[in-house]
C-alpha atoms as a PDB file:
ATOM      1  CA  MET A   1      60.320 -21.238 246.619  1.00  0.00           C
ATOM      2  CA  ALA A   2      61.239 -21.754 250.265  1.00  0.00           C
ATOM      3  CA  PRO A   3      62.966 -24.979 251.428  1.00  0.00           C
ATOM      4  CA  ALA A   4      60.743 -28.037 251.424  1.00  0.00           C
ATOM      5  CA  HIS A   5      60.427 -28.285 255.182  1.00  0.00           C
ATOM      6  CA  GLU A   6      58.775 -24.878 255.229  1.00  0.00           C
ATOM      7  CA  LEU A   7      56.855 -24.747 251.989  1.00  0.00           C
ATOM      8  CA  GLY A   8      56.496 -27.741 249.718  1.00  0.00           C
ATOM      9  CA  THR A   9      54.906 -27.814 246.291  1.00  0.00           C
ATOM     10  CA  ILE A  10      53.268 -30.745 244.586  1.00  0.00           C
ATOM     11  CA  ARG A  11      53.022 -29.187 241.131  1.00  0.00           C
ATOM     12  CA  VAL A  12      53.462 -26.000 239.114  1.00  0.00           C
ATOM     13  CA  ASN A  13      51.107 -25.247 236.211  1.00  0.00           C
ATOM     14  CA  ALA A  14      51.901 -22.536 233.668  1.00  0.00           C
ATOM     15  CA  GLU A  15      49.442 -21.348 231.022  1.00  0.00           C
ATOM     16  CA  PHE A  16      50.171 -18.900 228.218  1.00  0.00           C
ATOM     17  CA  ARG A  17      47.068 -17.117 227.006  1.00  0.00           C
ATOM     18  CA  ARG A  18      45.904 -15.633 223.737  1.00  0.00           C
ATOM     19  CA  ASP A  19      45.569 -12.172 225.255  1.00  0.00           C
ATOM     20  CA  GLY A  20      49.359 -12.035 225.714  1.00  0.00           C
ATOM     21  CA  THR A  21      49.397 -12.880 229.421  1.00  0.00           C
ATOM     22  CA  TYR A  22      50.587 -15.821 231.495  1.00  0.00           C
ATOM     23  CA  ALA A  23      49.313 -17.427 234.713  1.00  0.00           C
ATOM     24  CA  ILE A  24      51.476 -19.759 236.779  1.00  0.00           C
ATOM     25  CA  ASP A  25      49.965 -21.693 239.678  1.00  0.00           C
ATOM     26  CA  ALA A  26      52.419 -22.985 242.284  1.00  0.00           C
ATOM     27  CA  ILE A  27      50.327 -25.332 244.430  1.00  0.00           C
ATOM     28  CA  VAL A  28      51.407 -25.806 248.026  1.00  0.00           C
ATOM     29  CA  ASP A  29      51.323 -29.186 249.792  1.00  0.00           C
ATOM     30  CA  ARG A  30      48.866 -29.127 252.716  1.00  0.00           C
ATOM     31  CA  GLU A  31      51.430 -30.823 254.945  1.00  0.00           C
ATOM     32  CA  HIS A  32      53.472 -27.626 254.904  1.00  0.00           C
ATOM     33  CA  LEU A  33      50.668 -25.211 255.706  1.00  0.00           C
ATOM     34  CA  PRO A  34      50.111 -23.713 259.191  1.00  0.00           C
ATOM     35  CA  PRO A  35      47.939 -25.723 261.612  1.00  0.00           C
ATOM     36  CA  GLY A  36      44.308 -24.734 261.349  1.00  0.00           C
ATOM     37  CA  TYR A  37      44.493 -23.757 257.693  1.00  0.00           C
ATOM     38  CA  ASP A  38      42.561 -26.742 256.361  1.00  0.00           C
ATOM     39  CA  ARG A  39      39.307 -26.020 258.190  1.00  0.00           C
ATOM     40  CA  GLY A  40      36.947 -25.718 255.249  1.00  0.00           C
ATOM     41  CA  ASP A  41      36.134 -22.131 256.154  1.00  0.00           C
ATOM     42  CA  PRO A  42      34.248 -20.003 253.601  1.00  0.00           C
ATOM     43  CA  ILE A  43      36.504 -18.321 251.072  1.00  0.00           C
ATOM     44  CA  ASP A  44      36.411 -14.617 250.364  1.00  0.00           C
ATOM     45  CA  PRO A  45      36.215 -14.302 246.544  1.00  0.00           C
ATOM     46  CA  ARG A  46      38.504 -11.273 246.526  1.00  0.00           C
ATOM     47  CA  PHE A  47      42.081 -12.024 245.506  1.00  0.00           C
ATOM     48  CA  GLY A  48      44.610 -12.223 248.272  1.00  0.00           C
ATOM     49  CA  THR A  49      42.098 -12.329 251.143  1.00  0.00           C
ATOM     50  CA  VAL A  50      41.492 -15.304 253.429  1.00  0.00           C
ATOM     51  CA  ALA A  51      38.116 -15.317 255.145  1.00  0.00           C
ATOM     52  CA  ASN A  52      37.530 -16.377 258.756  1.00  0.00           C
ATOM     53  CA  LEU A  53      41.175 -17.044 259.570  1.00  0.00           C
ATOM     54  CA  THR A  54      42.588 -15.674 262.792  1.00  0.00           C
ATOM     55  CA  PRO A  55      44.941 -12.685 262.430  1.00  0.00           C
ATOM     56  CA  GLU A  56      47.823 -14.880 263.586  1.00  0.00           C
ATOM     57  CA  LEU A  57      47.101 -17.549 260.984  1.00  0.00           C
ATOM     58  CA  ARG A  58      46.565 -14.940 258.290  1.00  0.00           C
ATOM     59  CA  GLN A  59      49.969 -13.463 259.113  1.00  0.00           C
ATOM     60  CA  ARG A  60      51.646 -16.871 258.930  1.00  0.00           C
ATOM     61  CA  VAL A  61      50.125 -17.656 255.543  1.00  0.00           C
ATOM     62  CA  GLY A  62      51.199 -14.223 254.299  1.00  0.00           C
ATOM     63  CA  GLY A  63      54.717 -14.922 255.513  1.00  0.00           C
ATOM     64  CA  LEU A  64      54.778 -18.137 253.502  1.00  0.00           C
ATOM     65  CA  ILE A  65      53.852 -16.204 250.378  1.00  0.00           C
ATOM     66  CA  ALA A  66      56.580 -13.617 250.899  1.00  0.00           C
ATOM     67  CA  HIS A  67      59.132 -16.357 251.522  1.00  0.00           C
ATOM     68  CA  ALA A  68      57.979 -18.391 248.546  1.00  0.00           C
ATOM     69  CA  ILE A  69      58.473 -15.826 245.792  1.00  0.00           C
ATOM     70  CA  ASN A  70      62.074 -15.019 246.760  1.00  0.00           C
ATOM     71  CA  GLY A  71      63.458 -17.987 244.849  1.00  0.00           C
ATOM     72  CA  VAL A  72      61.195 -17.850 241.808  1.00  0.00           C
ATOM     73  CA  GLU A  73      62.509 -16.712 238.432  1.00  0.00           C
ATOM     74  CA  ILE A  74      60.141 -16.301 235.496  1.00  0.00           C
ATOM     75  CA  ALA A  75      62.019 -15.438 232.320  1.00  0.00           C
ATOM     76  CA  PHE A  76      61.288 -14.810 228.645  1.00  0.00           C
ATOM     77  CA  GLU A  77      64.267 -15.079 226.305  1.00  0.00           C
ATOM     78  CA  GLY A  78      66.415 -15.403 229.433  1.00  0.00           C
ATOM     79  CA  LYS A  79      65.276 -12.032 230.823  1.00  0.00           C
ATOM     80  CA  PRO A  80      63.504 -12.272 234.201  1.00  0.00           C
ATOM     81  CA  VAL A  81      60.175 -10.508 234.665  1.00  0.00           C
ATOM     82  CA  SER A  82      58.347  -9.466 237.846  1.00  0.00           C
ATOM     83  CA  PRO A  83      54.955 -11.138 238.227  1.00  0.00           C
ATOM     84  CA  ARG A  84      51.944 -10.102 240.242  1.00  0.00           C
ATOM     85  CA  VAL A  85      51.277 -12.539 243.086  1.00  0.00           C
ATOM     86  CA  GLU A  86      47.842 -13.631 244.288  1.00  0.00           C
ATOM     87  CA  LEU A  87      46.806 -15.994 247.039  1.00  0.00           C
ATOM     88  CA  VAL A  88      44.167 -18.505 245.942  1.00  0.00           C
ATOM     89  CA  LEU A  89      42.409 -20.878 248.328  1.00  0.00           C
ATOM     90  CA  HIS A  90      40.451 -23.911 247.140  1.00  0.00           C
ATOM     91  CA  PRO A  91      37.365 -24.690 249.219  1.00  0.00           C
ATOM     92  CA  ALA A  92      35.698 -28.103 249.280  1.00  0.00           C
ATOM     93  CA  GLY A  93      34.027 -28.792 245.932  1.00  0.00           C
ATOM     94  CA  ALA A  94      36.566 -26.753 243.943  1.00  0.00           C
ATOM     95  CA  ALA A  95      37.641 -27.614 240.402  1.00  0.00           C
ATOM     96  CA  GLU A  96      38.848 -31.162 239.896  1.00  0.00           C
ATOM     97  CA  THR A  97      42.440 -29.993 239.499  1.00  0.00           C
ATOM     98  CA  ALA A  98      42.364 -28.460 242.975  1.00  0.00           C
ATOM     99  CA  VAL A  99      42.193 -30.191 246.341  1.00  0.00           C
ATOM    100  CA  ALA A 100      40.165 -28.789 249.238  1.00  0.00           C
ATOM    101  CA  GLY A 101      42.441 -26.975 251.634  1.00  0.00           C
ATOM    102  CA  GLU A 102      45.283 -26.452 249.169  1.00  0.00           C
ATOM    103  CA  LEU A 103      46.874 -23.066 248.799  1.00  0.00           C
ATOM    104  CA  THR A 104      47.952 -21.798 245.394  1.00  0.00           C
ATOM    105  CA  LEU A 105      50.314 -18.988 244.684  1.00  0.00           C
ATOM    106  CA  ARG A 106      49.213 -17.549 241.347  1.00  0.00           C
ATOM    107  CA  LEU A 107      51.811 -15.526 239.487  1.00  0.00           C
ATOM    108  CA  THR A 108      50.495 -13.503 236.569  1.00  0.00           C
ATOM    109  CA  GLY A 109      51.813 -10.954 234.125  1.00  0.00           C
ATOM    110  CA  GLU A 110      52.330 -10.113 230.473  1.00  0.00           C
ATOM    111  CA  ILE A 111      54.407 -12.156 228.065  1.00  0.00           C
ATOM    112  CA  SER A 112      57.388 -10.143 226.834  1.00  0.00           C
ATOM    113  CA  GLY A 113      56.867  -8.757 223.336  1.00  0.00           C
ATOM    114  CA  GLY A 114      58.501 -10.859 220.635  1.00  0.00           C
ATOM    115  CA  ALA A 115      59.601 -13.590 223.080  1.00  0.00           C
ATOM    116  CA  LYS A 116      60.233 -17.051 221.650  1.00  0.00           C
ATOM    117  CA  ALA A 117      60.872 -19.104 224.814  1.00  0.00           C
ATOM    118  CA  PHE A 118      59.964 -19.264 228.514  1.00  0.00           C
ATOM    119  CA  THR A 119      61.914 -20.690 231.454  1.00  0.00           C
ATOM    120  CA  TRP A 120      61.016 -21.286 235.097  1.00  0.00           C
ATOM    121  CA  LYS A 121      63.258 -21.612 238.121  1.00  0.00           C
ATOM    122  CA  ASN A 122      62.488 -22.167 241.803  1.00  0.00           C
ATOM    123  CA  GLY A 123      65.759 -21.333 243.508  1.00  0.00           C
ATOM    124  CA  GLY A 124      64.719 -22.547 246.953  1.00  0.00           C
ATOM    125  CA  ALA A 125      63.107 -25.847 245.968  1.00  0.00           C
ATOM    126  CA  ILE A 126      64.380 -29.154 247.396  1.00  0.00           C
ATOM    127  CA  GLY A 127      63.562 -32.421 245.647  1.00  0.00           C
ATOM    128  CA  SER A 128      61.872 -32.865 242.305  1.00  0.00           C
ATOM    129  CA  TYR A 129      58.509 -31.556 241.204  1.00  0.00           C
ATOM    130  CA  MET A 130      56.335 -31.489 238.097  1.00  0.00           C
ATOM    131  CA  LEU A 131      56.131 -28.419 235.857  1.00  0.00           C
ATOM    132  CA  THR A 132      53.234 -28.451 233.386  1.00  0.00           C
ATOM    133  CA  LEU A 133      53.231 -25.951 230.538  1.00  0.00           C
ATOM    134  CA  ARG A 134      50.326 -25.370 228.196  1.00  0.00           C
ATOM    135  CA  THR A 135      49.180 -22.868 225.582  1.00  0.00           C
ATOM    136  CA  GLU A 136      45.579 -21.688 225.640  1.00  0.00           C
ATOM    137  CA  GLY A 137      43.616 -23.408 222.889  1.00  0.00           C
ATOM    138  CA  VAL A 138      46.129 -26.268 222.520  1.00  0.00           C
ATOM    139  CA  GLU A 139      44.988 -29.609 223.937  1.00  0.00           C
ATOM    140  CA  THR A 140      48.396 -31.140 224.565  1.00  0.00           C
ATOM    141  CA  ALA A 141      50.655 -29.930 227.362  1.00  0.00           C
ATOM    142  CA  GLU A 142      54.374 -30.247 227.942  1.00  0.00           C
ATOM    143  CA  ARG A 143      55.543 -31.696 231.266  1.00  0.00           C
ATOM    144  CA  GLN A 144      59.002 -31.448 232.796  1.00  0.00           C
ATOM    145  CA  TRP A 145      60.411 -32.900 235.998  1.00  0.00           C
ATOM    146  CA  ILE A 146      62.468 -30.211 237.683  1.00  0.00           C
ATOM    147  CA  GLU A 147      65.190 -31.146 240.133  1.00  0.00           C
ATOM    148  CA  GLY A 148      65.243 -28.709 243.056  1.00  0.00           C
ATOM    149  CA  PRO A 149      66.580 -25.264 242.126  1.00  0.00           C
ATOM    150  CA  ALA A 150      67.387 -26.206 238.519  1.00  0.00           C
ATOM    151  CA  ARG A 151      66.062 -24.065 235.676  1.00  0.00           C
ATOM    152  CA  SER A 152      63.505 -25.636 233.363  1.00  0.00           C
ATOM    153  CA  GLN A 153      64.197 -26.438 229.747  1.00  0.00           C
ATOM    154  CA  PRO A 154      63.065 -23.598 227.428  1.00  0.00           C
ATOM    155  CA  PHE A 155      59.406 -23.868 226.488  1.00  0.00           C
ATOM    156  CA  VAL A 156      58.836 -22.665 222.916  1.00  0.00           C
ATOM    157  CA  LEU A 157      56.025 -20.114 222.825  1.00  0.00           C
ATOM    158  CA  SER A 158      53.415 -20.181 220.082  1.00  0.00           C
ATOM    159  CA  SER A 159      53.428 -17.115 217.860  1.00  0.00           C
ATOM    160  CA  THR A 160      49.647 -16.894 218.355  1.00  0.00           C
ATOM    161  CA  ILE A 161      50.032 -15.817 221.995  1.00  0.00           C
ATOM    162  CA  VAL A 162      53.217 -13.718 221.923  1.00  0.00           C
ATOM    163  CA  PRO A 163      52.565  -9.951 221.801  1.00  0.00           C
ATOM    164  CA  MET A 164      54.326  -7.850 219.207  1.00  0.00           C
ATOM    165  CA  THR A 165      57.270  -5.670 220.123  1.00  0.00           C
ATOM    166  CA  ARG A 166      56.795  -1.912 219.861  1.00  0.00           C
ATOM    167  CA  ALA A 167      58.801  -1.870 216.620  1.00  0.00           C
ATOM    168  CA  GLN A 168      56.518  -4.574 215.206  1.00  0.00           C
ATOM    169  CA  VAL A 169      53.434  -2.622 216.334  1.00  0.00           C
ATOM    170  CA  VAL A 170      54.710   0.534 214.610  1.00  0.00           C
ATOM    171  CA  ALA A 171      55.472  -1.284 211.346  1.00  0.00           C
ATOM    172  CA  THR A 172      52.238  -3.314 211.374  1.00  0.00           C
ATOM    173  CA  TYR A 173      49.832  -0.452 212.074  1.00  0.00           C
ATOM    174  CA  LEU A 174      51.578   1.966 209.727  1.00  0.00           C
ATOM    175  CA  LYS A 175      51.069  -0.607 206.995  1.00  0.00           C
ATOM    176  CA  LEU A 176      47.449  -1.260 208.010  1.00  0.00           C
ATOM    177  CA  GLY A 177      46.686   2.475 207.906  1.00  0.00           C
ATOM    178  CA  TYR A 178      48.395   2.941 204.557  1.00  0.00           C
ATOM    179  CA  THR A 179      46.745  -0.065 202.897  1.00  0.00           C
ATOM    180  CA  HIS A 180      43.373   1.069 204.196  1.00  0.00           C
ATOM    181  CA  ILE A 181      43.798   3.993 201.794  1.00  0.00           C
ATOM    182  CA  LEU A 182      45.913   2.362 199.075  1.00  0.00           C
ATOM    183  CA  PRO A 183      44.588   0.162 197.626  1.00  0.00           C
ATOM    184  CA  LYS A 184      41.553  -0.652 199.797  1.00  0.00           C
ATOM    185  CA  GLY A 185      40.028   2.735 200.602  1.00  0.00           C
ATOM    186  CA  THR A 186      38.351   3.646 197.329  1.00  0.00           C
ATOM    187  CA  ASP A 187      35.801   5.922 199.021  1.00  0.00           C
ATOM    188  CA  HIS A 188      38.544   7.853 200.843  1.00  0.00           C
ATOM    189  CA  ILE A 189      40.626   7.988 197.641  1.00  0.00           C
ATOM    190  CA  LEU A 190      37.732   9.540 195.743  1.00  0.00           C
ATOM    191  CA  PHE A 191      37.139  12.084 198.504  1.00  0.00           C
ATOM    192  CA  VAL A 192      40.805  13.125 198.429  1.00  0.00           C
ATOM    193  CA  LEU A 193      40.697  13.333 194.623  1.00  0.00           C
ATOM    194  CA  GLY A 194      37.605  15.536 194.944  1.00  0.00           C
ATOM    195  CA  ILE A 195      39.636  17.845 197.171  1.00  0.00           C
ATOM    196  CA  PHE A 196      42.467  17.858 194.654  1.00  0.00           C
ATOM    197  CA  LEU A 197      40.440  18.642 191.525  1.00  0.00           C
ATOM    198  CA  LEU A 198      39.100  22.067 192.499  1.00  0.00           C
ATOM    199  CA  SER A 199      42.470  23.767 192.954  1.00  0.00           C
ATOM    200  CA  ILE A 200      45.483  23.857 190.673  1.00  0.00           C
ATOM    201  CA  ARG A 201      47.771  25.060 193.474  1.00  0.00           C
ATOM    202  CA  LEU A 202      49.387  22.701 195.967  1.00  0.00           C
ATOM    203  CA  LYS A 203      49.066  24.895 199.079  1.00  0.00           C
ATOM    204  CA  PRO A 204      45.231  25.024 199.151  1.00  0.00           C
ATOM    205  CA  ILE A 205      45.145  21.267 198.516  1.00  0.00           C
ATOM    206  CA  LEU A 206      47.451  20.605 201.462  1.00  0.00           C
ATOM    207  CA  MET A 207      45.390  22.953 203.679  1.00  0.00           C
ATOM    208  CA  GLN A 208      42.290  20.905 202.945  1.00  0.00           C
ATOM    209  CA  VAL A 209      44.071  17.599 203.454  1.00  0.00           C
ATOM    210  CA  THR A 210      45.490  18.862 206.767  1.00  0.00           C
ATOM    211  CA  ALA A 211      42.012  19.899 207.961  1.00  0.00           C
ATOM    212  CA  PHE A 212      40.678  16.510 206.869  1.00  0.00           C
ATOM    213  CA  THR A 213      43.487  14.719 208.738  1.00  0.00           C
ATOM    214  CA  ILE A 214      42.998  16.690 211.973  1.00  0.00           C
ATOM    215  CA  ALA A 215      39.272  15.999 211.872  1.00  0.00           C
ATOM    216  CA  HIS A 216      39.471  12.262 211.261  1.00  0.00           C
ATOM    217  CA  THR A 217      42.215  11.979 213.904  1.00  0.00           C
ATOM    218  CA  ILE A 218      39.857  13.503 216.477  1.00  0.00           C
ATOM    219  CA  THR A 219      36.898  11.249 215.761  1.00  0.00           C
ATOM    220  CA  LEU A 220      39.076   8.177 215.251  1.00  0.00           C
ATOM    221  CA  ALA A 221      40.502   8.596 218.756  1.00  0.00           C
ATOM    222  CA  LEU A 222      37.164   9.528 220.364  1.00  0.00           C
ATOM    223  CA  THR A 223      35.380   6.580 218.753  1.00  0.00           C
ATOM    224  CA  ILE A 224      38.085   4.052 219.648  1.00  0.00           C
ATOM    225  CA  TYR A 225      38.072   5.293 223.261  1.00  0.00           C
ATOM    226  CA  GLY A 226      34.279   5.015 223.347  1.00  0.00           C
ATOM    227  CA  VAL A 227      33.598   8.731 223.845  1.00  0.00           C
ATOM    228  CA  VAL A 228      31.433   8.995 220.718  1.00  0.00           C
ATOM    229  CA  SER A 229      29.608   6.326 218.793  1.00  0.00           C
ATOM    230  CA  LEU A 230      27.592   6.308 215.591  1.00  0.00           C
ATOM    231  CA  SER A 231      26.257   3.284 213.745  1.00  0.00           C
ATOM    232  CA  PRO A 232      28.057   2.303 210.507  1.00  0.00           C
ATOM    233  CA  ARG A 233      24.613   2.240 208.870  1.00  0.00           C
ATOM    234  CA  ILE A 234      24.600   6.024 209.343  1.00  0.00           C
ATOM    235  CA  VAL A 235      28.298   6.763 208.924  1.00  0.00           C
ATOM    236  CA  GLU A 236      28.926   4.879 205.676  1.00  0.00           C
ATOM    237  CA  PRO A 237      26.076   6.481 203.648  1.00  0.00           C
ATOM    238  CA  LEU A 238      27.114   9.919 204.941  1.00  0.00           C
ATOM    239  CA  ILE A 239      30.698   9.283 203.812  1.00  0.00           C
ATOM    240  CA  ALA A 240      29.344   8.505 200.339  1.00  0.00           C
ATOM    241  CA  LEU A 241      27.313  11.736 200.412  1.00  0.00           C
ATOM    242  CA  SER A 242      30.426  13.713 201.373  1.00  0.00           C
ATOM    243  CA  ILE A 243      32.077  12.434 198.195  1.00  0.00           C
ATOM    244  CA  VAL A 244      29.056  13.492 196.136  1.00  0.00           C
ATOM    245  CA  TYR A 245      28.980  16.964 197.699  1.00  0.00           C
ATOM    246  CA  VAL A 246      32.660  17.733 197.151  1.00  0.00           C
ATOM    247  CA  ALA A 247      32.499  16.492 193.547  1.00  0.00           C
ATOM    248  CA  VAL A 248      29.335  18.479 192.733  1.00  0.00           C
ATOM    249  CA  GLU A 249      30.844  21.608 194.268  1.00  0.00           C
ATOM    250  CA  ASN A 250      33.818  21.187 191.931  1.00  0.00           C
ATOM    251  CA  VAL A 251      31.399  21.338 188.991  1.00  0.00           C
ATOM    252  CA  VAL A 252      29.317  24.343 190.094  1.00  0.00           C
ATOM    253  CA  THR A 253      32.159  26.378 191.668  1.00  0.00           C
ATOM    254  CA  PRO A 254      35.091  27.463 189.499  1.00  0.00           C
ATOM    255  CA  LYS A 255      37.343  28.413 192.401  1.00  0.00           C
ATOM    256  CA  LEU A 256      38.047  27.467 196.005  1.00  0.00           C
ATOM    257  CA  SER A 257      35.695  29.160 198.488  1.00  0.00           C
ATOM    258  CA  PRO A 258      36.932  30.383 201.916  1.00  0.00           C
ATOM    259  CA  TRP A 259      34.645  27.980 203.783  1.00  0.00           C
ATOM    260  CA  ARG A 260      35.787  24.910 201.838  1.00  0.00           C
ATOM    261  CA  VAL A 261      38.411  24.044 204.498  1.00  0.00           C
ATOM    262  CA  ALA A 262      35.775  24.110 207.265  1.00  0.00           C
ATOM    263  CA  LEU A 263      33.506  21.916 205.163  1.00  0.00           C
ATOM    264  CA  VAL A 264      36.286  19.414 204.533  1.00  0.00           C
ATOM    265  CA  PHE A 265      37.011  19.406 208.288  1.00  0.00           C
ATOM    266  CA  GLY A 266      33.383  18.493 208.987  1.00  0.00           C
ATOM    267  CA  PHE A 267      33.504  15.662 206.456  1.00  0.00           C
ATOM    268  CA  GLY A 268      36.758  14.504 208.025  1.00  0.00           C
ATOM    269  CA  LEU A 269      34.892  13.936 211.289  1.00  0.00           C
ATOM    270  CA  LEU A 270      32.664  11.466 209.454  1.00  0.00           C
ATOM    271  CA  HIS A 271      35.541   9.682 207.768  1.00  0.00           C
ATOM    272  CA  GLY A 272      37.284   9.310 211.141  1.00  0.00           C
ATOM    273  CA  MET A 273      34.332   7.270 212.386  1.00  0.00           C
ATOM    274  CA  GLY A 274      34.692   5.100 209.306  1.00  0.00           C
ATOM    275  CA  PHE A 275      38.381   4.544 210.068  1.00  0.00           C
ATOM    276  CA  ALA A 276      37.476   3.669 213.656  1.00  0.00           C
ATOM    277  CA  GLY A 277      35.082   0.976 212.465  1.00  0.00           C
ATOM    278  CA  VAL A 278      37.852  -0.669 210.471  1.00  0.00           C
ATOM    279  CA  LEU A 279      40.358  -0.337 213.309  1.00  0.00           C
ATOM    280  CA  SER A 280      37.897  -1.871 215.774  1.00  0.00           C
ATOM    281  CA  GLN A 281      37.630  -4.933 213.542  1.00  0.00           C
ATOM    282  CA  LEU A 282      41.412  -5.184 213.267  1.00  0.00           C
ATOM    283  CA  GLY A 283      41.880  -4.784 217.010  1.00  0.00           C
ATOM    284  CA  LEU A 284      44.500  -2.865 218.951  1.00  0.00           C
ATOM    285  CA  PRO A 285      47.178  -4.436 221.152  1.00  0.00           C
ATOM    286  CA  ARG A 286      46.363  -3.789 224.801  1.00  0.00           C
ATOM    287  CA  ARG A 287      49.859  -2.861 225.947  1.00  0.00           C
ATOM    288  CA  GLU A 288      50.669  -0.745 222.855  1.00  0.00           C
ATOM    289  CA  PHE A 289      47.230   0.783 222.352  1.00  0.00           C
ATOM    290  CA  LEU A 290      48.279   4.412 221.835  1.00  0.00           C
ATOM    291  CA  PRO A 291      51.302   3.718 219.557  1.00  0.00           C
ATOM    292  CA  ALA A 292      49.130   1.432 217.412  1.00  0.00           C
ATOM    293  CA  LEU A 293      46.393   4.065 217.169  1.00  0.00           C
ATOM    294  CA  LEU A 294      48.838   6.830 216.243  1.00  0.00           C
ATOM    295  CA  CYS A 295      50.666   4.664 213.714  1.00  0.00           C
ATOM    296  CA  PHE A 296      47.428   3.580 212.029  1.00  0.00           C
ATOM    297  CA  ASN A 297      46.459   7.230 211.689  1.00  0.00           C
ATOM    298  CA  ALA A 298      49.925   8.107 210.377  1.00  0.00           C
ATOM    299  CA  GLY A 299      49.602   5.327 207.804  1.00  0.00           C
ATOM    300  CA  VAL A 300      46.247   6.752 206.689  1.00  0.00           C
ATOM    301  CA  GLU A 301      47.846  10.183 206.301  1.00  0.00           C
ATOM    302  CA  LEU A 302      50.718   8.759 204.249  1.00  0.00           C
ATOM    303  CA  GLY A 303      48.181   7.012 202.021  1.00  0.00           C
ATOM    304  CA  GLN A 304      46.289  10.257 201.463  1.00  0.00           C
ATOM    305  CA  LEU A 305      49.476  12.150 200.669  1.00  0.00           C
ATOM    306  CA  SER A 306      50.433   9.423 198.206  1.00  0.00           C
ATOM    307  CA  VAL A 307      47.117   9.922 196.398  1.00  0.00           C
ATOM    308  CA  ILE A 308      47.672  13.695 196.296  1.00  0.00           C
ATOM    309  CA  ALA A 309      51.263  13.279 195.094  1.00  0.00           C
ATOM    310  CA  ALA A 310      50.266  10.853 192.334  1.00  0.00           C
ATOM    311  CA  ALA A 311      47.407  13.088 191.163  1.00  0.00           C
ATOM    312  CA  PHE A 312      49.621  16.168 191.200  1.00  0.00           C
ATOM    313  CA  LEU A 313      52.384  14.474 189.216  1.00  0.00           C
ATOM    314  CA  LEU A 314      50.080  12.786 186.681  1.00  0.00           C
ATOM    315  CA  ILE A 315      47.450  15.508 186.239  1.00  0.00           C
ATOM    316  CA  GLY A 316      48.314  18.724 188.043  1.00  0.00           C
ATOM    317  CA  LEU A 317      51.807  19.443 186.800  1.00  0.00           C
ATOM    318  CA  PRO A 318      51.282  18.516 183.120  1.00  0.00           C
ATOM    319  CA  PHE A 319      47.835  20.065 182.601  1.00  0.00           C
ATOM    320  CA  ARG A 320      46.929  22.599 185.324  1.00  0.00           C
ATOM    321  CA  ASN A 321      47.954  25.606 183.199  1.00  0.00           C
ATOM    322  CA  LYS A 322      46.117  24.453 180.085  1.00  0.00           C
ATOM    323  CA  PRO A 323      43.089  26.627 179.180  1.00  0.00           C
ATOM    324  CA  TRP A 324      40.945  23.520 178.845  1.00  0.00           C
ATOM    325  CA  TYR A 325      42.006  21.980 182.216  1.00  0.00           C
ATOM    326  CA  ARG A 326      38.714  22.667 183.986  1.00  0.00           C
ATOM    327  CA  ARG A 327      36.507  21.804 181.011  1.00  0.00           C
ATOM    328  CA  ARG A 328      38.245  18.559 180.022  1.00  0.00           C
ATOM    329  CA  ILE A 329      39.559  17.260 183.331  1.00  0.00           C
ATOM    330  CA  VAL A 330      37.993  18.864 186.428  1.00  0.00           C
ATOM    331  CA  ILE A 331      34.326  18.720 185.378  1.00  0.00           C
ATOM    332  CA  PRO A 332      34.289  15.240 183.749  1.00  0.00           C
ATOM    333  CA  ALA A 333      36.356  13.726 186.578  1.00  0.00           C
ATOM    334  CA  SER A 334      34.182  15.377 189.248  1.00  0.00           C
ATOM    335  CA  LEU A 335      30.991  14.134 187.570  1.00  0.00           C
ATOM    336  CA  LEU A 336      32.417  10.617 187.543  1.00  0.00           C
ATOM    337  CA  VAL A 337      33.331  10.870 191.230  1.00  0.00           C
ATOM    338  CA  ALA A 338      29.861  12.224 192.077  1.00  0.00           C
ATOM    339  CA  THR A 339      28.187   9.380 190.166  1.00  0.00           C
ATOM    340  CA  ILE A 340      30.202   6.729 191.991  1.00  0.00           C
ATOM    341  CA  GLY A 341      29.530   8.406 195.347  1.00  0.00           C
ATOM    342  CA  LEU A 342      25.801   8.545 194.644  1.00  0.00           C
ATOM    343  CA  PHE A 343      25.798   4.874 193.675  1.00  0.00           C
ATOM    344  CA  TRP A 344      27.544   3.991 196.960  1.00  0.00           C
ATOM    345  CA  PHE A 345      25.042   6.105 198.917  1.00  0.00           C
ATOM    346  CA  VAL A 346      22.059   4.285 197.416  1.00  0.00           C
ATOM    347  CA  GLU A 347      23.772   0.921 197.850  1.00  0.00           C
ATOM    348  CA  ARG A 348      24.640   1.559 201.510  1.00  0.00           C
ATOM    349  CA  VAL A 349      21.196   2.883 202.403  1.00  0.00           C
ATOM    350  CA  ALA A 350      19.543  -0.096 200.704  1.00  0.00           C
ATOM    351  CA  GLY A 351      21.981  -2.547 202.301  1.00  0.00           C
END
């Protein structure tokens, strides 16, 4: 802040919010504001705009703001960050924590990913002042008396409000995508097994899985971004029907048809909407939205490939060349898959 004879402060309030942001209010003593400021004029609700002040007075207040932020250091883990600065005026009848005619410099920004501690410094301050630090949702606050330009003691940040680092986002959403298939995604597992059972060769299986992946990637992204939307009450029964269809086709068709890949692609569009519903419930970090989305999808793909790999090693390699492979494995397994899918369809429609 500027020296006390130009710009004094009576208190500084810092709040750390659950959405991964911070807001710091540096409240300016009225005695150090330009003459004519405390007139009770109406306040323009737009940030950074002072209503009904003369151009000269507006310029002087703006100069105070520019001078004030020169000495401020906001740091997470000792690394300074650059805040956004807003001018806030408190009219008569404002909140009880504000005084009519006071000016507040509000500094806002995002908490550094993975940070454990916060420090504040006002390099131009003279005299002591109160720094109040609080975490959103926590009743108690920590208060420190700061002497002039001294740096505050580190304030330990709650893990509930600190955003993840990019590395943490990648690891977390890869795992979430993978576990959504293995072990939680029984409907998607059965669909992938239905794809696997009809062919004894790996290449056609991978072609179908690739088409399925491309399709659910498209609708997953479009649904998350709000471009398309379909109620889960429609999507979930249709996913169950897709399982039934693929399994029944395995029974009635002895070999892979040319249009099977296109059909699997169409079903993948449905499954992508199902993935989006799950991901919407889990939530996506605001600052790492795209990496989280891509990593979740990559985790889903790894889960699907794990299912294919396990089925190929346990069933395909040992038995695919046996003359009874279709009769003893493909047809009974497909009928079981179709039965389960039909049960889920009825259950989801009734529910």
